[in-house]
Amino acid sequence: MPRLRTPTLTIKKCPQCGEDVEIFSSDAEVQCYKCGLTVFNDTNLCVQWCAHAKECWGPELYERLKKDDNEQVEKAH
């Protein structure tokens, strides 16, 4: 049986307005409370290298994150 982790809370600055945004490790993205910008969780990059990412995130969210991350890499090139 996979070992589940307790989500951790991180406070990030919204890149658009500078407001503090609370994001849990289990969140892929959250909306800034002040301006509404979607703020992404940088730890999601683990879907690209962690053998247990699919178990941690669940199959549906894992596939979405993997797809989103691949699209961001393609846009950067």
Protein backbone atom coordinates (compact mmCIF):
# COMPACT_ATOMS: atom_id res chain seq x y z
CA MET A 1 0.00 0.00 0.00
CA PRO A 2 1.44 3.42 -0.95
CA ARG A 3 2.42 5.73 1.87
CA LEU A 4 0.50 8.98 1.72
CA ARG A 5 2.09 12.20 2.85
CA THR A 6 0.44 14.98 4.81
CA PRO A 7 0.18 18.04 2.54
CA THR A 8 2.45 20.94 3.45
CA LEU A 9 1.57 24.61 3.17
CA THR A 10 3.74 27.07 1.25
CA ILE A 11 3.22 30.81 0.93
CA LYS A 12 4.15 32.15 -2.50
CA LYS A 13 3.99 35.67 -3.88
CA CYS A 14 1.58 36.21 -6.73
CA PRO A 15 3.74 37.17 -9.72
CA GLN A 16 1.09 39.65 -10.89
CA CYS A 17 0.09 41.60 -7.78
CA GLY A 18 2.52 40.49 -5.06
CA GLU A 19 -0.19 39.18 -2.71
CA ASP A 20 0.67 36.20 -0.50
CA VAL A 21 -0.94 33.05 -1.90
CA GLU A 22 -1.36 29.89 0.19
CA ILE A 23 -0.68 26.72 -1.78
CA PHE A 24 -0.65 23.20 -0.37
CA SER A 25 1.70 20.56 -1.74
CA SER A 26 -1.37 18.62 -2.90
CA ASP A 27 -2.62 21.58 -5.01
CA ALA A 28 -1.62 21.80 -8.65
CA GLU A 29 -2.74 25.41 -8.86
CA VAL A 30 -4.65 28.03 -6.89
CA GLN A 31 -6.21 31.37 -7.68
CA CYS A 32 -4.77 34.53 -6.17
CA TYR A 33 -7.38 35.89 -3.76
CA LYS A 34 -6.63 39.47 -4.77
CA CYS A 35 -6.27 39.49 -8.57
CA GLY A 36 -7.48 36.03 -9.62
CA LEU A 37 -4.29 34.98 -11.40
CA THR A 38 -3.68 31.23 -11.50
CA VAL A 39 -0.57 30.47 -9.43
CA PHE A 40 1.05 27.09 -10.11
CA ASN A 41 2.72 24.82 -7.60
CA ASP A 42 6.36 24.41 -8.66
CA THR A 43 6.65 21.05 -6.91
CA ASN A 44 4.46 19.53 -9.62
CA LEU A 45 7.58 19.11 -11.67
CA CYS A 46 8.09 15.87 -9.75
CA VAL A 47 5.68 14.27 -12.22
CA GLN A 48 8.54 14.29 -14.71
CA TRP A 49 11.03 12.34 -12.60
CA CYS A 50 9.47 10.69 -9.54
CA ALA A 51 8.57 7.02 -9.88
CA HIS A 52 5.80 7.46 -7.29
CA ALA A 53 4.25 10.67 -8.64
CA LYS A 54 1.27 8.86 -10.16
CA GLU A 55 0.49 7.25 -6.80
CA CYS A 56 0.89 10.54 -4.90
CA TRP A 57 -1.17 12.72 -7.25
CA GLY A 58 -3.62 10.08 -8.47
CA PRO A 59 -3.86 8.96 -12.12
CA GLU A 60 -6.17 11.70 -13.39
CA LEU A 61 -4.30 14.65 -11.89
CA TYR A 62 -0.93 13.04 -12.70
CA GLU A 63 -1.82 12.86 -16.41
CA ARG A 64 -3.05 16.47 -16.37
CA LEU A 65 0.09 17.73 -14.65
CA LYS A 66 2.35 15.76 -16.98
CA LYS A 67 0.51 17.17 -19.99
CA ASP A 68 0.59 20.75 -18.61
CA ASP A 69 4.30 20.48 -17.80
CA ASN A 70 5.10 19.11 -21.28
CA GLU A 71 3.16 21.98 -22.89
CA GLN A 72 5.09 24.55 -20.83
CA VAL A 73 8.40 22.98 -21.90
CA GLU A 74 7.32 23.09 -25.55
CA LYS A 75 6.34 26.78 -25.24
CA ALA A 76 9.76 27.59 -23.78
CA HIS A 77 11.54 26.16 -26.82
